[in-house]
PDB file of all heavy atoms in Angstrom:
ATOM      1  N   VAL A   1      15.478  10.150  11.225  1.00  0.00           N
ATOM      2  CA  VAL A   1      15.479   9.489  12.518  1.00  0.00           C
ATOM      3  C   VAL A   1      14.076   8.945  12.828  1.00  0.00           C
ATOM      4  O   VAL A   1      13.901   7.765  13.264  1.00  0.00           O
ATOM      5  CB  VAL A   1      15.942  10.427  13.622  1.00  0.00           C
ATOM      6  CG1 VAL A   1      15.662   9.863  15.047  1.00  0.00           C
ATOM      7  CG2 VAL A   1      17.448  10.757  13.489  1.00  0.00           C
ATOM      8  N   HIS A   2      13.064   9.751  12.600  1.00  0.00           N
ATOM      9  CA  HIS A   2      11.651   9.286  12.868  1.00  0.00           C
ATOM     10  C   HIS A   2      11.312   8.108  11.957  1.00  0.00           C
ATOM     11  O   HIS A   2      10.629   7.182  12.455  1.00  0.00           O
ATOM     12  CB  HIS A   2      10.696  10.449  12.634  1.00  0.00           C
ATOM     13  CG  HIS A   2      10.707  11.517  13.706  1.00  0.00           C
ATOM     14  ND1 HIS A   2      11.781  12.350  13.913  1.00  0.00           N
ATOM     15  CD2 HIS A   2       9.838  11.797  14.645  1.00  0.00           C
ATOM     16  CE1 HIS A   2      11.483  13.190  14.946  1.00  0.00           C
ATOM     17  NE2 HIS A   2      10.325  12.849  15.370  1.00  0.00           N
ATOM     18  N   LEU A   3      11.778   8.122  10.736  1.00  0.00           N
ATOM     19  CA  LEU A   3      11.490   7.045   9.812  1.00  0.00           C
ATOM     20  C   LEU A   3      12.137   5.779  10.283  1.00  0.00           C
ATOM     21  O   LEU A   3      11.521   4.696  10.234  1.00  0.00           O
ATOM     22  CB  LEU A   3      11.982   7.485   8.408  1.00  0.00           C
ATOM     23  CG  LEU A   3      12.068   6.359   7.344  1.00  0.00           C
ATOM     24  CD1 LEU A   3      10.659   5.719   7.037  1.00  0.00           C
ATOM     25  CD2 LEU A   3      12.635   6.919   6.029  1.00  0.00           C
ATOM     26  N   LEU A   4      13.379   5.823  10.635  1.00  0.00           N
ATOM     27  CA  LEU A   4      14.136   4.617  11.033  1.00  0.00           C
ATOM     28  C   LEU A   4      13.627   4.039  12.381  1.00  0.00           C
ATOM     29  O   LEU A   4      13.590   2.821  12.550  1.00  0.00           O
ATOM     30  CB  LEU A   4      15.598   4.897  11.077  1.00  0.00           C
ATOM     31  CG  LEU A   4      16.259   5.268   9.727  1.00  0.00           C
ATOM     32  CD1 LEU A   4      17.723   5.546   9.917  1.00  0.00           C
ATOM     33  CD2 LEU A   4      16.100   4.156   8.711  1.00  0.00           C
ATOM     34  N   VAL A   5      13.238   4.915  13.298  1.00  0.00           N
ATOM     35  CA  VAL A   5      12.740   4.461  14.519  1.00  0.00           C
ATOM     36  C   VAL A   5      11.349   3.812  14.401  1.00  0.00           C
ATOM     37  O   VAL A   5      11.029   2.844  15.079  1.00  0.00           O
ATOM     38  CB  VAL A   5      12.684   5.637  15.583  1.00  0.00           C
ATOM     39  CG1 VAL A   5      12.018   5.213  16.868  1.00  0.00           C
ATOM     40  CG2 VAL A   5      14.148   6.051  15.924  1.00  0.00           C
ATOM     41  N   CYS A   6      10.538   4.396  13.465  1.00  0.00           N
ATOM     42  CA  CYS A   6       9.196   3.885  13.315  1.00  0.00           C
ATOM     43  C   CYS A   6       9.003   3.562  11.822  1.00  0.00           C
ATOM     44  O   CYS A   6       8.318   4.342  11.080  1.00  0.00           O
ATOM     45  CB  CYS A   6       8.152   4.950  13.791  1.00  0.00           C
ATOM     46  SG  CYS A   6       8.228   5.403  15.530  1.00  0.00           S
ATOM     47  N   PRO A   7       9.529   2.495  11.320  1.00  0.00           N
ATOM     48  CA  PRO A   7       9.475   2.181   9.949  1.00  0.00           C
ATOM     49  C   PRO A   7       8.065   1.621   9.460  1.00  0.00           C
ATOM     50  O   PRO A   7       7.744   1.604   8.302  1.00  0.00           O
ATOM     51  CB  PRO A   7      10.503   1.090   9.745  1.00  0.00           C
ATOM     52  CG  PRO A   7      10.607   0.469  11.054  1.00  0.00           C
ATOM     53  CD  PRO A   7      10.371   1.481  12.059  1.00  0.00           C
ATOM     54  N   PHE A   8       7.276   1.184  10.457  1.00  0.00           N
ATOM     55  CA  PHE A   8       5.982   0.613  10.083  1.00  0.00           C
ATOM     56  C   PHE A   8       4.927   1.697  10.005  1.00  0.00           C
ATOM     57  O   PHE A   8       5.164   2.858  10.390  1.00  0.00           O
ATOM     58  CB  PHE A   8       5.565  -0.460  11.140  1.00  0.00           C
ATOM     59  CG  PHE A   8       6.566  -1.604  11.253  1.00  0.00           C
ATOM     60  CD1 PHE A   8       7.222  -1.785  12.416  1.00  0.00           C
ATOM     61  CD2 PHE A   8       6.847  -2.403  10.184  1.00  0.00           C
ATOM     62  CE1 PHE A   8       8.171  -2.850  12.535  1.00  0.00           C
ATOM     63  CE2 PHE A   8       7.722  -3.422  10.268  1.00  0.00           C
ATOM     64  CZ  PHE A   8       8.390  -3.609  11.418  1.00  0.00           C
ATOM     65  N   THR A   9       3.790   1.341   9.492  1.00  0.00           N
ATOM     66  CA  THR A   9       2.630   2.332   9.254  1.00  0.00           C
ATOM     67  C   THR A   9       1.384   1.854   9.907  1.00  0.00           C
ATOM     68  O   THR A   9       1.230   0.714  10.283  1.00  0.00           O
ATOM     69  CB  THR A   9       2.485   2.525   7.756  1.00  0.00           C
ATOM     70  OG1 THR A   9       2.191   1.241   7.181  1.00  0.00           O
ATOM     71  CG2 THR A   9       3.661   3.124   7.084  1.00  0.00           C
ATOM     72  N   LYS A  10       0.415   2.752   9.946  1.00  0.00           N
ATOM     73  CA  LYS A  10      -0.912   2.491  10.569  1.00  0.00           C
ATOM     74  C   LYS A  10      -1.928   2.305   9.408  1.00  0.00           C
ATOM     75  O   LYS A  10      -1.670   2.584   8.202  1.00  0.00           O
ATOM     76  CB  LYS A  10      -1.302   3.598  11.476  1.00  0.00           C
ATOM     77  CG  LYS A  10      -0.573   3.576  12.822  1.00  0.00           C
ATOM     78  CD  LYS A  10      -0.996   2.424  13.724  1.00  0.00           C
ATOM     79  CE  LYS A  10      -0.410   2.488  15.122  1.00  0.00           C
ATOM     80  NZ  LYS A  10      -0.920   3.549  15.914  1.00  0.00           N
ATOM     81  N   VAL A  11      -3.150   2.036   9.840  1.00  0.00           N
ATOM     82  CA  VAL A  11      -4.229   1.721   8.842  1.00  0.00           C
ATOM     83  C   VAL A  11      -4.548   2.854   7.906  1.00  0.00           C
ATOM     84  O   VAL A  11      -4.819   2.635   6.706  1.00  0.00           O
ATOM     85  CB  VAL A  11      -5.511   1.239   9.615  1.00  0.00           C
ATOM     86  CG1 VAL A  11      -5.979   2.345  10.601  1.00  0.00           C
ATOM     87  CG2 VAL A  11      -6.640   0.804   8.636  1.00  0.00           C
ATOM     88  N   GLU A  12      -4.475   4.091   8.429  1.00  0.00           N
ATOM     89  CA  GLU A  12      -4.803   5.225   7.584  1.00  0.00           C
ATOM     90  C   GLU A  12      -3.774   5.488   6.425  1.00  0.00           C
ATOM     91  O   GLU A  12      -4.101   6.179   5.521  1.00  0.00           O
ATOM     92  CB  GLU A  12      -5.021   6.514   8.428  1.00  0.00           C
ATOM     93  CG  GLU A  12      -3.781   6.868   9.222  1.00  0.00           C
ATOM     94  CD  GLU A  12      -3.795   6.310  10.629  1.00  0.00           C
ATOM     95  OE1 GLU A  12      -4.591   5.324  10.911  1.00  0.00           O
ATOM     96  OE2 GLU A  12      -3.091   6.839  11.546  1.00  0.00           O
ATOM     97  N   GLU A  13      -2.657   4.856   6.576  1.00  0.00           N
ATOM     98  CA  GLU A  13      -1.583   4.959   5.530  1.00  0.00           C
ATOM     99  C   GLU A  13      -1.615   3.785   4.579  1.00  0.00           C
ATOM    100  O   GLU A  13      -0.858   3.765   3.583  1.00  0.00           O
ATOM    101  CB  GLU A  13      -0.255   5.016   6.227  1.00  0.00           C
ATOM    102  CG  GLU A  13      -0.089   6.126   7.256  1.00  0.00           C
ATOM    103  CD  GLU A  13       1.085   5.911   8.179  1.00  0.00           C
ATOM    104  OE1 GLU A  13       2.215   5.900   7.648  1.00  0.00           O
ATOM    105  OE2 GLU A  13       0.919   5.719   9.408  1.00  0.00           O
ATOM    106  N   SER A  14      -2.473   2.806   4.819  1.00  0.00           N
ATOM    107  CA  SER A  14      -2.350   1.517   4.093  1.00  0.00           C
ATOM    108  C   SER A  14      -2.624   1.672   2.642  1.00  0.00           C
ATOM    109  O   SER A  14      -1.936   1.003   1.815  1.00  0.00           O
ATOM    110  CB  SER A  14      -3.347   0.516   4.707  1.00  0.00           C
ATOM    111  OG  SER A  14      -4.656   0.936   4.637  1.00  0.00           O
ATOM    112  N   PHE A  15      -3.626   2.427   2.208  1.00  0.00           N
ATOM    113  CA  PHE A  15      -3.893   2.471   0.793  1.00  0.00           C
ATOM    114  C   PHE A  15      -2.670   2.928  -0.012  1.00  0.00           C
ATOM    115  O   PHE A  15      -2.276   2.289  -0.969  1.00  0.00           O
ATOM    116  CB  PHE A  15      -5.153   3.363   0.461  1.00  0.00           C
ATOM    117  CG  PHE A  15      -5.235   3.559  -0.990  1.00  0.00           C
ATOM    118  CD1 PHE A  15      -5.759   2.581  -1.846  1.00  0.00           C
ATOM    119  CD2 PHE A  15      -4.761   4.760  -1.640  1.00  0.00           C
ATOM    120  CE1 PHE A  15      -5.801   2.761  -3.234  1.00  0.00           C
ATOM    121  CE2 PHE A  15      -4.851   4.921  -2.982  1.00  0.00           C
ATOM    122  CZ  PHE A  15      -5.316   3.918  -3.773  1.00  0.00           C
ATOM    123  N   ASN A  16      -2.150   4.059   0.342  1.00  0.00           N
ATOM    124  CA  ASN A  16      -1.058   4.650  -0.384  1.00  0.00           C
ATOM    125  C   ASN A  16       0.221   3.710  -0.328  1.00  0.00           C
ATOM    126  O   ASN A  16       0.943   3.602  -1.332  1.00  0.00           O
ATOM    127  CB  ASN A  16      -0.711   6.029   0.111  1.00  0.00           C
ATOM    128  CG  ASN A  16      -1.716   7.047  -0.341  1.00  0.00           C
ATOM    129  OD1 ASN A  16      -2.101   7.109  -1.490  1.00  0.00           O
ATOM    130  ND2 ASN A  16      -2.140   7.832   0.643  1.00  0.00           N
ATOM    131  N   LEU A  17       0.434   3.078   0.842  1.00  0.00           N
ATOM    132  CA  LEU A  17       1.549   2.222   0.938  1.00  0.00           C
ATOM    133  C   LEU A  17       1.438   0.917   0.150  1.00  0.00           C
ATOM    134  O   LEU A  17       2.320   0.546  -0.562  1.00  0.00           O
ATOM    135  CB  LEU A  17       1.760   1.853   2.401  1.00  0.00           C
ATOM    136  CG  LEU A  17       3.101   1.151   2.729  1.00  0.00           C
ATOM    137  CD1 LEU A  17       4.279   2.096   2.585  1.00  0.00           C
ATOM    138  CD2 LEU A  17       3.088   0.549   4.144  1.00  0.00           C
ATOM    139  N   GLN A  18       0.217   0.335   0.197  1.00  0.00           N
ATOM    140  CA  GLN A  18      -0.031  -0.857  -0.647  1.00  0.00           C
ATOM    141  C   GLN A  18       0.020  -0.532  -2.088  1.00  0.00           C
ATOM    142  O   GLN A  18       0.461  -1.288  -2.938  1.00  0.00           O
ATOM    143  CB  GLN A  18      -1.394  -1.379  -0.295  1.00  0.00           C
ATOM    144  CG  GLN A  18      -1.662  -1.653   1.154  1.00  0.00           C
ATOM    145  CD  GLN A  18      -0.903  -2.838   1.794  1.00  0.00           C
ATOM    146  OE1 GLN A  18       0.320  -2.940   1.539  1.00  0.00           O
ATOM    147  NE2 GLN A  18      -1.524  -3.649   2.568  1.00  0.00           N
ATOM    148  N   ALA A  19      -0.480   0.685  -2.443  1.00  0.00           N
ATOM    149  CA  ALA A  19      -0.430   1.103  -3.855  1.00  0.00           C
ATOM    150  C   ALA A  19       1.021   1.258  -4.363  1.00  0.00           C
ATOM    151  O   ALA A  19       1.302   0.829  -5.494  1.00  0.00           O
ATOM    152  CB  ALA A  19      -1.192   2.438  -4.032  1.00  0.00           C
ATOM    153  N   MET A  20       1.857   1.793  -3.499  1.00  0.00           N
ATOM    154  CA  MET A  20       3.281   1.899  -3.973  1.00  0.00           C
ATOM    155  C   MET A  20       3.908   0.548  -4.108  1.00  0.00           C
ATOM    156  O   MET A  20       4.714   0.322  -4.998  1.00  0.00           O
ATOM    157  CB  MET A  20       4.001   2.793  -3.005  1.00  0.00           C
ATOM    158  CG  MET A  20       3.634   4.288  -3.062  1.00  0.00           C
ATOM    159  SD  MET A  20       4.669   5.409  -2.083  1.00  0.00           S
ATOM    160  CE  MET A  20       4.058   5.071  -0.452  1.00  0.00           C
ATOM    161  N   HIS A  21       3.572  -0.401  -3.192  1.00  0.00           N
ATOM    162  CA  HIS A  21       4.143  -1.749  -3.318  1.00  0.00           C
ATOM    163  C   HIS A  21       3.650  -2.385  -4.595  1.00  0.00           C
ATOM    164  O   HIS A  21       4.435  -2.962  -5.383  1.00  0.00           O
ATOM    165  CB  HIS A  21       3.612  -2.579  -2.163  1.00  0.00           C
ATOM    166  CG  HIS A  21       3.932  -4.019  -2.303  1.00  0.00           C
ATOM    167  ND1 HIS A  21       3.071  -4.883  -3.024  1.00  0.00           N
ATOM    168  CD2 HIS A  21       4.888  -4.792  -1.802  1.00  0.00           C
ATOM    169  CE1 HIS A  21       3.598  -6.077  -3.039  1.00  0.00           C
ATOM    170  NE2 HIS A  21       4.674  -6.111  -2.265  1.00  0.00           N
ATOM    171  N   ASP A  22       2.344  -2.222  -4.914  1.00  0.00           N
ATOM    172  CA  ASP A  22       1.821  -2.903  -6.105  1.00  0.00           C
ATOM    173  C   ASP A  22       2.369  -2.289  -7.404  1.00  0.00           C
ATOM    174  O   ASP A  22       2.602  -2.993  -8.369  1.00  0.00           O
ATOM    175  CB  ASP A  22       0.318  -2.858  -6.030  1.00  0.00           C
ATOM    176  CG  ASP A  22      -0.276  -3.627  -4.872  1.00  0.00           C
ATOM    177  OD1 ASP A  22       0.443  -4.502  -4.348  1.00  0.00           O
ATOM    178  OD2 ASP A  22      -1.431  -3.396  -4.491  1.00  0.00           O
ATOM    179  N   ILE A  23       2.489  -0.940  -7.380  1.00  0.00           N
ATOM    180  CA  ILE A  23       3.100  -0.295  -8.590  1.00  0.00           C
ATOM    181  C   ILE A  23       4.524  -0.767  -8.805  1.00  0.00           C
ATOM    182  O   ILE A  23       4.958  -1.080  -9.943  1.00  0.00           O
ATOM    183  CB  ILE A  23       3.055   1.220  -8.442  1.00  0.00           C
ATOM    184  CG1 ILE A  23       1.586   1.723  -8.471  1.00  0.00           C
ATOM    185  CG2 ILE A  23       3.905   1.890  -9.449  1.00  0.00           C
ATOM    186  CD1 ILE A  23       1.463   3.133  -8.025  1.00  0.00           C
ATOM    187  N   LEU A  24       5.279  -0.987  -7.730  1.00  0.00           N
ATOM    188  CA  LEU A  24       6.609  -1.420  -7.902  1.00  0.00           C
ATOM    189  C   LEU A  24       6.831  -2.927  -8.165  1.00  0.00           C
ATOM    190  O   LEU A  24       7.703  -3.259  -8.942  1.00  0.00           O
ATOM    191  CB  LEU A  24       7.392  -1.064  -6.576  1.00  0.00           C
ATOM    192  CG  LEU A  24       7.667   0.401  -6.297  1.00  0.00           C
ATOM    193  CD1 LEU A  24       8.111   0.603  -4.825  1.00  0.00           C
ATOM    194  CD2 LEU A  24       8.709   0.906  -7.212  1.00  0.00           C
ATOM    195  N   TYR A  25       5.959  -3.695  -7.632  1.00  0.00           N
ATOM    196  CA  TYR A  25       6.086  -5.155  -7.721  1.00  0.00           C
ATOM    197  C   TYR A  25       5.145  -5.850  -8.698  1.00  0.00           C
ATOM    198  O   TYR A  25       5.438  -6.950  -9.196  1.00  0.00           O
ATOM    199  CB  TYR A  25       6.005  -5.838  -6.348  1.00  0.00           C
ATOM    200  CG  TYR A  25       7.200  -5.486  -5.477  1.00  0.00           C
ATOM    201  CD1 TYR A  25       7.147  -4.464  -4.588  1.00  0.00           C
ATOM    202  CD2 TYR A  25       8.352  -6.234  -5.618  1.00  0.00           C
ATOM    203  CE1 TYR A  25       8.258  -4.172  -3.804  1.00  0.00           C
ATOM    204  CE2 TYR A  25       9.532  -5.943  -4.829  1.00  0.00           C
ATOM    205  CZ  TYR A  25       9.418  -4.851  -3.859  1.00  0.00           C
ATOM    206  OH  TYR A  25      10.529  -4.586  -3.105  1.00  0.00           O
ATOM    207  N   HIS A  26       3.979  -5.196  -8.977  1.00  0.00           N
ATOM    208  CA  HIS A  26       2.979  -5.808  -9.846  1.00  0.00           C
ATOM    209  C   HIS A  26       2.824  -5.058 -11.177  1.00  0.00           C
ATOM    210  O   HIS A  26       2.186  -5.492 -12.100  1.00  0.00           O
ATOM    211  CB  HIS A  26       1.649  -5.969  -9.194  1.00  0.00           C
ATOM    212  CG  HIS A  26       1.716  -6.896  -7.973  1.00  0.00           C
ATOM    213  ND1 HIS A  26       2.131  -8.196  -8.048  1.00  0.00           N
ATOM    214  CD2 HIS A  26       1.308  -6.726  -6.682  1.00  0.00           C
ATOM    215  CE1 HIS A  26       2.116  -8.773  -6.918  1.00  0.00           C
ATOM    216  NE2 HIS A  26       1.544  -7.942  -6.052  1.00  0.00           N
ATOM    217  N   THR A  27       3.378  -3.814 -11.222  1.00  0.00           N
ATOM    218  CA  THR A  27       3.357  -2.892 -12.351  1.00  0.00           C
ATOM    219  C   THR A  27       1.971  -2.843 -12.994  1.00  0.00           C
ATOM    220  O   THR A  27       1.053  -2.306 -12.435  1.00  0.00           O
ATOM    221  CB  THR A  27       4.483  -3.284 -13.331  1.00  0.00           C
ATOM    222  OG1 THR A  27       4.266  -4.618 -13.783  1.00  0.00           O
ATOM    223  CG2 THR A  27       5.849  -3.145 -12.702  1.00  0.00           C
ATOM    224  N   THR A  28       1.811  -3.422 -14.159  1.00  0.00           N
ATOM    225  CA  THR A  28       0.593  -3.281 -14.940  1.00  0.00           C
ATOM    226  C   THR A  28      -0.429  -4.417 -14.615  1.00  0.00           C
ATOM    227  O   THR A  28      -1.538  -4.448 -15.234  1.00  0.00           O
ATOM    228  CB  THR A  28       0.827  -3.262 -16.408  1.00  0.00           C
ATOM    229  OG1 THR A  28       1.523  -4.418 -16.821  1.00  0.00           O
ATOM    230  CG2 THR A  28       1.662  -2.015 -16.774  1.00  0.00           C
ATOM    231  N   ASN A  29      -0.058  -5.348 -13.736  1.00  0.00           N
ATOM    232  CA  ASN A  29      -0.991  -6.433 -13.432  1.00  0.00           C
ATOM    233  C   ASN A  29      -1.962  -5.938 -12.331  1.00  0.00           C
ATOM    234  O   ASN A  29      -1.841  -6.240 -11.157  1.00  0.00           O
ATOM    235  CB  ASN A  29      -0.223  -7.627 -12.908  1.00  0.00           C
ATOM    236  CG  ASN A  29      -1.103  -8.829 -12.658  1.00  0.00           C
ATOM    237  OD1 ASN A  29      -2.254  -8.863 -13.019  1.00  0.00           O
ATOM    238  ND2 ASN A  29      -0.542  -9.817 -11.923  1.00  0.00           N
ATOM    239  N   ILE A  30      -2.971  -5.174 -12.749  1.00  0.00           N
ATOM    240  CA  ILE A  30      -3.865  -4.494 -11.829  1.00  0.00           C
ATOM    241  C   ILE A  30      -4.643  -5.494 -11.001  1.00  0.00           C
ATOM    242  O   ILE A  30      -5.025  -5.239  -9.850  1.00  0.00           O
ATOM    243  CB  ILE A  30      -4.843  -3.510 -12.618  1.00  0.00           C
ATOM    244  CG1 ILE A  30      -4.031  -2.579 -13.480  1.00  0.00           C
ATOM    245  CG2 ILE A  30      -5.739  -2.828 -11.645  1.00  0.00           C
ATOM    246  CD1 ILE A  30      -3.134  -1.661 -12.679  1.00  0.00           C
ATOM    247  N   THR A  31      -4.929  -6.691 -11.586  1.00  0.00           N
ATOM    248  CA  THR A  31      -5.703  -7.665 -10.830  1.00  0.00           C
ATOM    249  C   THR A  31      -5.048  -8.147  -9.588  1.00  0.00           C
ATOM    250  O   THR A  31      -5.704  -8.646  -8.669  1.00  0.00           O
ATOM    251  CB  THR A  31      -6.008  -8.899 -11.752  1.00  0.00           C
ATOM    252  OG1 THR A  31      -4.749  -9.463 -12.191  1.00  0.00           O
ATOM    253  CG2 THR A  31      -6.878  -8.450 -12.934  1.00  0.00           C
ATOM    254  N   ALA A  32      -3.700  -7.956  -9.510  1.00  0.00           N
ATOM    255  CA  ALA A  32      -2.968  -8.406  -8.307  1.00  0.00           C
ATOM    256  C   ALA A  32      -2.888  -7.333  -7.290  1.00  0.00           C
ATOM    257  O   ALA A  32      -2.322  -7.558  -6.117  1.00  0.00           O
ATOM    258  CB  ALA A  32      -1.521  -8.826  -8.662  1.00  0.00           C
ATOM    259  N   TYR A  33      -3.402  -6.131  -7.478  1.00  0.00           N
ATOM    260  CA  TYR A  33      -3.301  -5.027  -6.551  1.00  0.00           C
ATOM    261  C   TYR A  33      -4.165  -5.240  -5.346  1.00  0.00           C
ATOM    262  O   TYR A  33      -5.292  -5.855  -5.427  1.00  0.00           O
ATOM    263  CB  TYR A  33      -3.733  -3.687  -7.281  1.00  0.00           C
ATOM    264  CG  TYR A  33      -2.635  -3.098  -8.091  1.00  0.00           C
ATOM    265  CD1 TYR A  33      -1.831  -3.837  -8.910  1.00  0.00           C
ATOM    266  CD2 TYR A  33      -2.398  -1.692  -8.080  1.00  0.00           C
ATOM    267  CE1 TYR A  33      -0.814  -3.233  -9.684  1.00  0.00           C
ATOM    268  CE2 TYR A  33      -1.390  -1.104  -8.814  1.00  0.00           C
ATOM    269  CZ  TYR A  33      -0.618  -1.876  -9.668  1.00  0.00           C
ATOM    270  OH  TYR A  33       0.384  -1.334 -10.464  1.00  0.00           O
ATOM    271  N   ASP A  34      -3.683  -4.691  -4.271  1.00  0.00           N
ATOM    272  CA  ASP A  34      -4.388  -4.924  -2.950  1.00  0.00           C
ATOM    273  C   ASP A  34      -5.771  -4.261  -2.889  1.00  0.00           C
ATOM    274  O   ASP A  34      -6.680  -4.785  -2.258  1.00  0.00           O
ATOM    275  CB  ASP A  34      -3.524  -4.333  -1.832  1.00  0.00           C
ATOM    276  CG  ASP A  34      -4.077  -4.562  -0.451  1.00  0.00           C
ATOM    277  OD1 ASP A  34      -3.924  -5.654   0.081  1.00  0.00           O
ATOM    278  OD2 ASP A  34      -4.738  -3.589   0.082  1.00  0.00           O
ATOM    279  N   HIS A  35      -5.899  -3.126  -3.609  1.00  0.00           N
ATOM    280  CA  HIS A  35      -7.201  -2.411  -3.442  1.00  0.00           C
ATOM    281  C   HIS A  35      -8.391  -3.140  -4.056  1.00  0.00           C
ATOM    282  O   HIS A  35      -9.535  -2.851  -3.844  1.00  0.00           O
ATOM    283  CB  HIS A  35      -7.092  -1.046  -4.058  1.00  0.00           C
ATOM    284  CG  HIS A  35      -7.017  -0.998  -5.571  1.00  0.00           C
ATOM    285  ND1 HIS A  35      -5.886  -1.290  -6.268  1.00  0.00           N
ATOM    286  CD2 HIS A  35      -7.991  -0.774  -6.517  1.00  0.00           C
ATOM    287  CE1 HIS A  35      -6.092  -1.233  -7.493  1.00  0.00           C
ATOM    288  NE2 HIS A  35      -7.357  -0.875  -7.764  1.00  0.00           N
ATOM    289  N   ASN A  36      -8.091  -4.140  -4.931  1.00  0.00           N
ATOM    290  CA  ASN A  36      -9.157  -4.958  -5.476  1.00  0.00           C
ATOM    291  C   ASN A  36      -9.829  -5.806  -4.491  1.00  0.00           C
ATOM    292  O   ASN A  36     -11.072  -6.008  -4.532  1.00  0.00           O
ATOM    293  CB  ASN A  36      -8.634  -5.862  -6.614  1.00  0.00           C
ATOM    294  CG  ASN A  36      -8.198  -5.047  -7.885  1.00  0.00           C
ATOM    295  OD1 ASN A  36      -8.951  -4.246  -8.343  1.00  0.00           O
ATOM    296  ND2 ASN A  36      -7.002  -5.350  -8.327  1.00  0.00           N
ATOM    297  N   GLU A  37      -9.113  -6.245  -3.458  1.00  0.00           N
ATOM    298  CA  GLU A  37      -9.627  -7.067  -2.450  1.00  0.00           C
ATOM    299  C   GLU A  37     -10.041  -6.307  -1.182  1.00  0.00           C
ATOM    300  O   GLU A  37     -10.992  -6.573  -0.450  1.00  0.00           O
ATOM    301  CB  GLU A  37      -8.607  -8.150  -1.980  1.00  0.00           C
ATOM    302  CG  GLU A  37      -9.139  -9.173  -1.009  1.00  0.00           C
ATOM    303  CD  GLU A  37      -8.125 -10.333  -0.760  1.00  0.00           C
ATOM    304  OE1 GLU A  37      -7.050 -10.259  -1.314  1.00  0.00           O
ATOM    305  OE2 GLU A  37      -8.492 -11.229   0.020  1.00  0.00           O
ATOM    306  N   PHE A  38      -9.260  -5.245  -0.923  1.00  0.00           N
ATOM    307  CA  PHE A  38      -9.512  -4.319   0.236  1.00  0.00           C
ATOM    308  C   PHE A  38      -9.562  -2.901  -0.203  1.00  0.00           C
ATOM    309  O   PHE A  38      -8.591  -2.119  -0.121  1.00  0.00           O
ATOM    310  CB  PHE A  38      -8.364  -4.542   1.298  1.00  0.00           C
ATOM    311  CG  PHE A  38      -8.205  -6.000   1.728  1.00  0.00           C
ATOM    312  CD1 PHE A  38      -7.257  -6.786   1.193  1.00  0.00           C
ATOM    313  CD2 PHE A  38      -9.082  -6.512   2.686  1.00  0.00           C
ATOM    314  CE1 PHE A  38      -7.105  -8.064   1.634  1.00  0.00           C
ATOM    315  CE2 PHE A  38      -8.996  -7.826   3.134  1.00  0.00           C
ATOM    316  CZ  PHE A  38      -8.014  -8.629   2.578  1.00  0.00           C
ATOM    317  N   PRO A  39     -10.700  -2.481  -0.808  1.00  0.00           N
ATOM    318  CA  PRO A  39     -10.776  -1.142  -1.395  1.00  0.00           C
ATOM    319  C   PRO A  39     -10.914   0.004  -0.396  1.00  0.00           C
ATOM    320  O   PRO A  39     -10.715   1.163  -0.794  1.00  0.00           O
ATOM    321  CB  PRO A  39     -12.088  -1.289  -2.239  1.00  0.00           C
ATOM    322  CG  PRO A  39     -12.919  -2.313  -1.537  1.00  0.00           C
ATOM    323  CD  PRO A  39     -11.942  -3.283  -0.989  1.00  0.00           C
ATOM    324  N   GLY A  40     -11.205  -0.308   0.841  1.00  0.00           N
ATOM    325  CA  GLY A  40     -11.405   0.736   1.791  1.00  0.00           C
ATOM    326  C   GLY A  40     -12.803   1.349   1.743  1.00  0.00           C
ATOM    327  O   GLY A  40     -13.557   0.987   0.847  1.00  0.00           O
ATOM    328  N   VAL A  41     -13.048   2.258   2.631  1.00  0.00           N
ATOM    329  CA  VAL A  41     -14.425   2.837   2.659  1.00  0.00           C
ATOM    330  C   VAL A  41     -14.695   3.743   1.494  1.00  0.00           C
ATOM    331  O   VAL A  41     -15.711   3.763   0.880  1.00  0.00           O
ATOM    332  CB  VAL A  41     -14.588   3.707   4.036  1.00  0.00           C
ATOM    333  CG1 VAL A  41     -15.950   4.336   4.041  1.00  0.00           C
ATOM    334  CG2 VAL A  41     -14.419   2.743   5.206  1.00  0.00           C
ATOM    335  N   VAL A  42     -13.593   4.539   1.110  1.00  0.00           N
ATOM    336  CA  VAL A  42     -13.689   5.466  -0.093  1.00  0.00           C
ATOM    337  C   VAL A  42     -12.455   5.201  -0.889  1.00  0.00           C
ATOM    338  O   VAL A  42     -11.383   4.946  -0.357  1.00  0.00           O
ATOM    339  CB  VAL A  42     -13.823   6.916   0.399  1.00  0.00           C
ATOM    340  CG1 VAL A  42     -15.157   7.213   0.990  1.00  0.00           C
ATOM    341  CG2 VAL A  42     -12.717   7.278   1.345  1.00  0.00           C
TER     342      VAL A  42
END
């Protein structure tokens, strides 16, 4: 219920969420991964 009511995420969740997207959609094309452009503070 909580997931369906609030399907979106906040900034602190972005790295892991973007990583899962890139693993699923870009697989081994690491250059297309989000963290290359937006690596975060750590």
